[in-house]
Amino acid sequence: MNKYGASDLHLKVGNPPILRVQGRIRYFDADSLDNETIKDMLFEVLDEEQKESFARKQDLDFAYSVPKVGRYRINAFRQRGSVSLAIRRVNHTIPSFEDLHLKVDAMRKIASYRQGLAIVCGVTGSGKSTTLAAMIEYINANRRCHIVTIEDPIEYLYRDKKAFVNQREVGIDVPSFHAALKSVVRQDPDVILIGEMRDQETFETALTAAETGHLVFGTLHSSTVSQTIGRIIDMFPSDRERMLRQSLAFSLVAIVCQKILPSVKEEVGLVPVQEILLTNPTVQKLILEGEDKKIEGIVRGSREEGMQDFNQGLLELLRQGLISEEVALEVSHNAEQLAMNMKGIFLGDDRKIVR
């Protein structure tokens, strides 16, 4: 993987190894793999407990380090009765906001909060874990505090700097995200990183931690800011919506949604585009009133506060020469508007040309 600059490696019976390089699938020039070969490779790196878990669940997530080579996040699963592996390379060095071409001022602002809930969203493979790692490492380097991470599995390994970091892995150090969150507030943390907030119980516990004076980071599988708020509301029974909106309005500090795109610069490889919400009094009011769709306009019109929608993010990547116009138009939620923006035409909410 390292030799070819691949982010992912897939091993599937009947195929040669399959690489993902700069977001594109490439078949390795080698013989097809059989089930015994893949199974032997997997079992060589598993301990007995992991082998038992895989036999029971037929699915396993874990991280594995090869000295002087690299660290990898591995998902083992069964398909058509045979073993398949999806292997992702994790960089030894935790990248900075600048390395990732993120909106630096907004990321630093989020990292500077002393309490509240910040959510990073996107589909699988959109770089959520890497963005959060950059966030935690920035806090680690700049603030004297106690950071606790709850991960499944642990990907990036932090070295204590100004902060000190305790990393807990679900299934090894703690039985579940919820169990870890219930005990974490007794461990005197300042900052808490959760992996994915997969259910009502986990999200509710994270929200409580944010309400009681902690800065909490978590992830969700959603595509846009307004969709994220709707996804959270849908986790809970409808009779709790009013109370949930009150908690969310006063605890949510940021939502960052992102997609990963191929860069035109070979040395960059992949680059994220982000939609960023930073909560302010207007956003709080809209959350309380259930006017989630109107938040999109606030995001679009508040660049001076550090916010941006996806089209604004795409325009910035185009300005920096990091992506092609074809890619930008392909991934935009509003390609017609983006095409106009690329020509220097911008419309206000009343559809009148403002520039």
Protein backbone atom coordinates (compact mmCIF):
# COMPACT_ATOMS: atom_id res chain seq x y z
CA MET A 1 0.00 0.00 0.00
CA ASN A 2 2.70 2.47 1.01
CA LYS A 3 4.70 1.83 -2.18
CA TYR A 4 1.74 2.70 -4.42
CA GLY A 5 0.38 5.54 -2.28
CA ALA A 6 -2.85 3.61 -1.67
CA SER A 7 -5.29 4.64 1.03
CA ASP A 8 -7.11 1.29 1.03
CA LEU A 9 -6.48 -2.36 0.19
CA HIS A 10 -9.27 -4.89 -0.46
CA LEU A 11 -8.72 -8.65 -0.36
CA LYS A 12 -11.55 -10.72 -1.89
CA VAL A 13 -11.67 -14.36 -2.96
CA GLY A 14 -11.37 -14.75 -6.73
CA ASN A 15 -9.69 -11.38 -7.29
CA PRO A 16 -6.13 -10.10 -7.05
CA PRO A 17 -5.51 -7.48 -4.34
CA ILE A 18 -7.46 -4.29 -5.09
CA LEU A 19 -6.03 -0.86 -4.21
CA ARG A 20 -7.68 2.54 -3.87
CA VAL A 21 -5.24 5.22 -5.04
CA GLN A 22 -6.34 8.89 -4.96
CA GLY A 23 -9.94 7.72 -4.65
CA ARG A 24 -9.80 5.41 -7.69
CA ILE A 25 -9.88 1.59 -7.74
CA ARG A 26 -6.86 -0.20 -9.21
CA TYR A 27 -6.37 -3.97 -9.56
CA PHE A 28 -2.94 -5.21 -8.49
CA ASP A 29 -1.03 -7.26 -11.05
CA ALA A 30 -0.99 -10.56 -9.13
CA ASP A 31 -2.70 -13.94 -8.88
CA SER A 32 -6.27 -14.21 -7.61
CA LEU A 33 -6.65 -14.93 -3.90
CA ASP A 34 -8.33 -17.97 -2.37
CA ASN A 35 -10.22 -18.18 0.93
CA GLU A 36 -7.50 -20.05 2.82
CA THR A 37 -4.87 -17.45 1.92
CA ILE A 38 -7.01 -14.54 3.12
CA LYS A 39 -8.13 -16.41 6.25
CA ASP A 40 -4.53 -17.32 7.13
CA MET A 41 -3.44 -13.68 6.70
CA LEU A 42 -6.24 -12.54 9.00
CA PHE A 43 -5.73 -15.13 11.73
CA GLU A 44 -1.99 -14.46 11.79
CA VAL A 45 -2.62 -10.99 13.26
CA LEU A 46 -5.61 -11.77 15.54
CA ASP A 47 -5.44 -12.74 19.19
CA GLU A 48 -7.67 -15.51 20.56
CA GLU A 49 -10.37 -13.13 21.76
CA GLN A 50 -10.57 -11.48 18.34
CA LYS A 51 -10.77 -14.88 16.62
CA GLU A 52 -13.67 -15.86 18.87
CA SER A 53 -15.41 -12.54 18.20
CA PHE A 54 -15.04 -12.95 14.43
CA ALA A 55 -16.36 -16.52 14.57
CA ARG A 56 -19.36 -15.33 16.57
CA LYS A 57 -20.22 -12.09 14.74
CA GLN A 58 -18.72 -12.81 11.28
CA ASP A 59 -17.48 -9.20 11.30
CA LEU A 60 -14.57 -7.55 13.09
CA ASP A 61 -13.02 -4.06 13.28
CA PHE A 62 -9.50 -3.69 14.65
CA ALA A 63 -6.27 -1.74 14.21
CA TYR A 64 -2.87 -3.29 13.58
CA SER A 65 0.63 -1.81 13.54
CA VAL A 66 3.61 -3.10 11.56
CA PRO A 67 6.87 -1.75 13.04
CA LYS A 68 8.69 0.67 10.68
CA VAL A 69 5.93 0.17 8.08
CA GLY A 70 2.67 1.67 9.30
CA ARG A 71 -0.59 1.40 11.18
CA TYR A 72 -3.76 0.03 9.60
CA ARG A 73 -7.48 -0.06 10.36
CA ILE A 74 -8.92 -3.40 9.27
CA ASN A 75 -12.47 -4.63 8.78
CA ALA A 76 -12.81 -8.40 8.36
CA PHE A 77 -16.15 -9.75 7.15
CA ARG A 78 -17.73 -12.68 5.35
CA GLN A 79 -19.31 -12.58 1.90
CA ARG A 80 -20.68 -15.58 -0.01
CA GLY A 81 -19.21 -17.84 2.67
CA SER A 82 -15.64 -16.57 2.35
CA VAL A 83 -13.48 -14.07 4.23
CA SER A 84 -12.91 -10.55 2.85
CA LEU A 85 -10.69 -7.80 4.23
CA ALA A 86 -10.92 -4.02 3.87
CA ILE A 87 -7.67 -2.43 5.06
CA ARG A 88 -7.14 1.32 5.46
CA ARG A 89 -3.74 2.91 6.00
CA VAL A 90 -3.51 5.28 8.97
CA ASN A 91 -0.72 7.85 8.85
CA HIS A 92 1.86 7.64 11.65
CA THR A 93 2.03 11.42 11.70
CA ILE A 94 -1.17 13.17 12.70
CA PRO A 95 -1.82 15.79 10.00
CA SER A 96 -2.44 19.44 10.81
CA PHE A 97 -5.37 21.53 9.59
CA GLU A 98 -3.00 23.03 7.02
CA ASP A 99 -1.83 19.59 5.85
CA LEU A 100 -5.46 18.62 5.21
CA HIS A 101 -6.33 21.92 3.46
CA LEU A 102 -9.12 22.56 5.97
CA LYS A 103 -10.59 25.98 6.81
CA VAL A 104 -7.96 26.71 9.45
CA ASP A 105 -9.60 29.64 11.29
CA ALA A 106 -12.88 27.75 11.70
CA MET A 107 -11.14 24.57 12.88
CA ARG A 108 -9.08 26.51 15.44
CA LYS A 109 -12.22 28.27 16.65
CA ILE A 110 -13.97 24.93 17.23
CA ALA A 111 -10.90 23.55 19.02
CA SER A 112 -10.81 26.62 21.30
CA TYR A 113 -14.27 26.03 22.81
CA ARG A 114 -14.21 24.98 26.46
CA GLN A 115 -17.54 23.15 26.41
CA GLY A 116 -20.26 22.02 24.03
CA LEU A 117 -20.86 19.40 21.36
CA ALA A 118 -19.06 19.49 17.99
CA ILE A 119 -20.09 16.95 15.36
CA VAL A 120 -18.12 15.90 12.26
CA CYS A 121 -20.31 14.30 9.60
CA GLY A 122 -19.93 12.45 6.32
CA VAL A 123 -20.20 9.06 4.69
CA THR A 124 -17.74 6.25 5.40
CA GLY A 125 -14.35 7.20 3.98
CA SER A 126 -14.97 10.95 3.98
CA GLY A 127 -12.07 11.67 6.34
CA LYS A 128 -14.04 12.24 9.56
CA SER A 129 -11.52 10.39 11.72
CA THR A 130 -8.59 12.30 10.22
CA THR A 131 -10.26 15.68 10.73
CA LEU A 132 -11.02 14.79 14.36
CA ALA A 133 -7.44 13.58 14.85
CA ALA A 134 -6.17 16.96 13.62
CA MET A 135 -8.58 18.67 16.03
CA ILE A 136 -7.46 16.60 19.03
CA GLU A 137 -3.78 17.03 18.15
CA TYR A 138 -4.24 20.83 17.91
CA ILE A 139 -5.77 20.86 21.41
CA ASN A 140 -3.04 18.50 22.62
CA ALA A 141 -0.35 20.91 21.41
CA ASN A 142 -1.97 24.15 22.58
CA ARG A 143 -3.96 23.59 25.79
CA ARG A 144 -3.15 22.16 29.21
CA CYS A 145 -6.04 19.73 29.67
CA HIS A 146 -7.08 16.10 29.97
CA ILE A 147 -8.34 14.46 26.77
CA VAL A 148 -10.15 11.10 26.76
CA THR A 149 -10.90 9.35 23.47
CA ILE A 150 -13.34 6.46 23.03
CA GLU A 151 -12.67 4.68 19.75
CA ASP A 152 -13.54 1.51 17.83
CA PRO A 153 -10.78 0.83 16.99
CA ILE A 154 -8.04 3.27 18.03
CA GLU A 155 -6.56 4.69 14.82
CA TYR A 156 -4.16 7.55 15.55
CA LEU A 157 -1.84 7.31 18.55
CA TYR A 158 -1.33 10.57 20.46
CA ARG A 159 1.79 11.53 22.40
CA ASP A 160 1.20 13.79 25.40
CA LYS A 161 2.20 17.40 24.73
CA LYS A 162 0.64 20.30 26.66
CA ALA A 163 -2.35 18.04 27.25
CA PHE A 164 -2.32 14.41 28.31
CA VAL A 165 -4.42 11.87 26.42
CA ASN A 166 -6.06 8.62 27.53
CA GLN A 167 -7.27 6.47 24.63
CA ARG A 168 -9.88 3.77 25.30
CA GLU A 169 -10.75 1.12 22.72
CA VAL A 170 -14.22 -0.42 22.65
CA GLY A 171 -13.98 -4.18 23.10
CA ILE A 172 -10.54 -4.02 24.74
CA ASP A 173 -10.61 -1.26 27.37
CA VAL A 174 -14.37 -0.86 27.68
CA PRO A 175 -17.38 -2.96 26.53
CA SER A 176 -19.29 -0.23 24.64
CA PHE A 177 -19.39 3.46 23.74
CA HIS A 178 -22.25 4.01 26.17
CA ALA A 179 -20.43 2.28 29.05
CA ALA A 180 -17.32 4.36 28.36
CA LEU A 181 -19.31 7.59 28.27
CA LYS A 182 -21.07 6.80 31.54
CA SER A 183 -17.74 6.44 33.32
CA VAL A 184 -15.73 9.09 31.48
CA VAL A 185 -17.15 12.04 33.43
CA ARG A 186 -15.68 10.46 36.59
CA GLN A 187 -12.22 10.55 35.00
CA ASP A 188 -11.96 14.37 35.16
CA PRO A 189 -11.79 15.01 31.40
CA ASP A 190 -11.81 18.41 29.76
CA VAL A 191 -12.20 17.10 26.21
CA ILE A 192 -13.96 13.90 25.14
CA LEU A 193 -13.73 12.28 21.70
CA ILE A 194 -16.34 9.68 20.82
CA GLY A 195 -16.25 7.66 17.63
CA GLU A 196 -19.62 7.35 15.96
CA MET A 197 -22.75 8.35 17.90
CA ARG A 198 -24.74 5.39 16.61
CA ASP A 199 -27.83 5.42 18.79
CA GLN A 200 -30.05 7.46 21.07
CA GLU A 201 -28.36 6.24 24.24
CA THR A 202 -24.86 7.23 23.11
CA PHE A 203 -25.96 10.61 21.76
CA GLU A 204 -27.92 11.42 24.91
CA THR A 205 -24.92 10.64 27.11
CA ALA A 206 -22.67 12.77 24.88
CA LEU A 207 -25.14 15.65 25.07
CA THR A 208 -25.23 15.40 28.87
CA ALA A 209 -21.42 15.51 28.99
CA ALA A 210 -21.47 18.65 26.83
CA GLU A 211 -24.10 20.25 29.07
CA THR A 212 -21.99 19.60 32.18
CA GLY A 213 -18.92 21.55 31.09
CA HIS A 214 -17.00 19.29 28.70
CA LEU A 215 -16.00 19.79 25.07
CA VAL A 216 -17.30 16.70 23.26
CA PHE A 217 -16.47 15.60 19.71
CA GLY A 218 -18.42 12.91 17.86
CA THR A 219 -19.31 11.73 14.36
CA LEU A 220 -22.53 11.01 12.47
CA HIS A 221 -23.30 9.58 9.04
CA SER A 222 -25.08 12.52 7.39
CA SER A 223 -24.37 14.72 4.40
CA THR A 224 -25.42 18.30 5.24
CA VAL A 225 -25.90 20.50 8.29
CA SER A 226 -29.71 20.52 8.12
CA GLN A 227 -29.78 16.76 7.49
CA THR A 228 -27.58 16.25 10.55
CA ILE A 229 -30.01 18.07 12.84
CA GLY A 230 -32.89 16.06 11.37
CA ARG A 231 -30.95 12.83 11.90
CA ILE A 232 -30.43 13.69 15.57
CA ILE A 233 -34.11 14.53 16.09
CA ASP A 234 -35.12 11.24 14.44
CA MET A 235 -33.06 9.27 16.99
CA PHE A 236 -35.57 10.18 19.71
CA PRO A 237 -39.32 9.62 20.23
CA SER A 238 -41.44 12.49 18.89
CA ASP A 239 -42.73 13.38 22.37
CA ARG A 240 -39.17 14.32 23.37
CA GLU A 241 -38.48 16.63 20.42
CA ARG A 242 -39.12 19.91 22.25
CA MET A 243 -36.80 19.04 25.15
CA LEU A 244 -34.17 17.68 22.75
CA ARG A 245 -34.22 20.87 20.68
CA GLN A 246 -33.68 22.92 23.84
CA SER A 247 -30.65 20.83 24.79
CA LEU A 248 -29.29 20.89 21.25
CA ALA A 249 -29.75 24.65 20.84
CA PHE A 250 -27.68 25.45 23.92
CA SER A 251 -25.07 22.65 23.74
CA LEU A 252 -24.29 22.33 20.02
CA VAL A 253 -21.29 24.49 19.08
CA ALA A 254 -20.48 23.23 15.59
CA ILE A 255 -21.38 20.84 12.79
CA VAL A 256 -18.78 20.07 10.12
CA CYS A 257 -19.94 17.99 7.14
CA GLN A 258 -17.36 16.86 4.63
CA LYS A 259 -16.71 14.93 1.44
CA ILE A 260 -13.40 13.69 0.13
CA LEU A 261 -12.38 14.63 -3.42
CA PRO A 262 -9.54 13.72 -5.79
CA SER A 263 -7.08 16.57 -6.16
CA VAL A 264 -5.54 17.65 -9.45
CA LYS A 265 -2.24 17.83 -7.56
CA GLU A 266 -0.68 14.38 -7.37
CA GLU A 267 1.29 15.25 -4.22
CA VAL A 268 -1.99 16.13 -2.43
CA GLY A 269 -3.92 13.03 -3.49
CA LEU A 270 -7.27 13.59 -1.78
CA VAL A 271 -8.69 16.79 -0.34
CA PRO A 272 -11.82 17.38 1.80
CA VAL A 273 -14.51 19.93 1.09
CA GLN A 274 -16.48 21.07 4.13
CA GLU A 275 -19.79 22.62 5.09
CA ILE A 276 -19.35 24.38 8.45
CA LEU A 277 -21.95 25.55 10.97
CA LEU A 278 -20.84 27.51 14.04
CA THR A 279 -23.74 28.01 16.41
CA ASN A 280 -24.81 31.60 17.10
CA PRO A 281 -28.00 33.10 18.61
CA THR A 282 -29.82 33.00 15.25
CA VAL A 283 -28.99 29.32 14.78
CA GLN A 284 -30.10 28.57 18.34
CA LYS A 285 -33.45 30.25 17.66
CA LEU A 286 -33.98 28.27 14.44
CA ILE A 287 -33.16 24.96 16.18
CA LEU A 288 -35.63 25.77 18.96
CA GLU A 289 -38.34 26.64 16.42
CA GLY A 290 -37.71 23.56 14.26
CA GLU A 291 -36.72 25.70 11.25
CA ASP A 292 -33.79 23.49 10.29
CA LYS A 293 -33.89 24.26 6.54
CA LYS A 294 -33.44 27.99 7.23
CA ILE A 295 -30.10 27.21 8.84
CA GLU A 296 -28.69 26.61 5.35
CA GLY A 297 -29.14 30.32 4.58
CA ILE A 298 -27.37 31.29 7.81
CA VAL A 299 -24.42 29.04 6.93
CA ARG A 300 -24.23 30.52 3.43
CA GLY A 301 -24.44 34.12 4.65
CA SER A 302 -22.04 33.96 7.61
CA ARG A 303 -18.61 33.52 6.07
CA GLU A 304 -17.23 36.34 8.22
CA GLU A 305 -17.99 34.16 11.28
CA GLY A 306 -16.14 31.18 9.79
CA MET A 307 -19.11 29.34 8.30
CA GLN A 308 -19.44 28.09 4.73
CA ASP A 309 -21.69 25.86 2.65
CA PHE A 310 -20.38 23.18 0.28
CA ASN A 311 -20.41 25.42 -2.79
CA GLN A 312 -18.35 28.05 -0.98
CA GLY A 313 -15.92 25.33 0.06
CA LEU A 314 -15.70 24.05 -3.52
CA LEU A 315 -15.03 27.56 -4.83
CA GLU A 316 -12.18 27.96 -2.34
CA LEU A 317 -10.61 24.64 -3.42
CA LEU A 318 -10.94 25.76 -7.06
CA ARG A 319 -9.30 29.09 -6.20
CA GLN A 320 -6.39 27.22 -4.61
CA GLY A 321 -6.04 25.03 -7.70
CA LEU A 322 -6.65 21.84 -5.70
CA ILE A 323 -9.61 20.35 -7.63
CA SER A 324 -10.97 20.43 -11.17
CA GLU A 325 -14.15 22.21 -12.24
CA GLU A 326 -15.55 18.84 -13.38
CA VAL A 327 -15.16 17.32 -9.91
CA ALA A 328 -16.62 20.42 -8.24
CA LEU A 329 -19.75 20.37 -10.41
CA GLU A 330 -20.13 16.61 -10.01
CA VAL A 331 -20.24 16.68 -6.19
CA SER A 332 -22.09 19.99 -5.68
CA HIS A 333 -25.56 19.87 -4.12
CA ASN A 334 -26.47 22.80 -6.38
CA ALA A 335 -24.39 22.52 -9.55
CA GLU A 336 -26.37 25.24 -11.36
CA GLN A 337 -25.60 27.77 -8.64
CA LEU A 338 -21.96 26.68 -8.51
CA ALA A 339 -21.60 27.09 -12.29
CA MET A 340 -22.86 30.68 -11.95
CA ASN A 341 -20.51 31.32 -9.01
CA MET A 342 -17.58 30.05 -11.07
CA LYS A 343 -18.40 32.79 -13.61
CA GLY A 344 -18.47 35.42 -10.86
CA ILE A 345 -22.27 35.60 -10.61
CA PHE A 346 -23.73 35.39 -7.09
CA LEU A 347 -27.40 35.55 -6.13
CA GLY A 348 -28.92 36.70 -2.84
CA ASP A 349 -31.73 34.83 -1.10
CA ASP A 350 -34.17 36.94 -3.16
CA ARG A 351 -32.52 35.56 -6.36
CA LYS A 352 -31.14 39.00 -7.28
CA ILE A 353 -27.55 39.31 -8.48
CA VAL A 354 -25.41 40.63 -5.63
CA ARG A 355 -22.03 40.45 -7.37
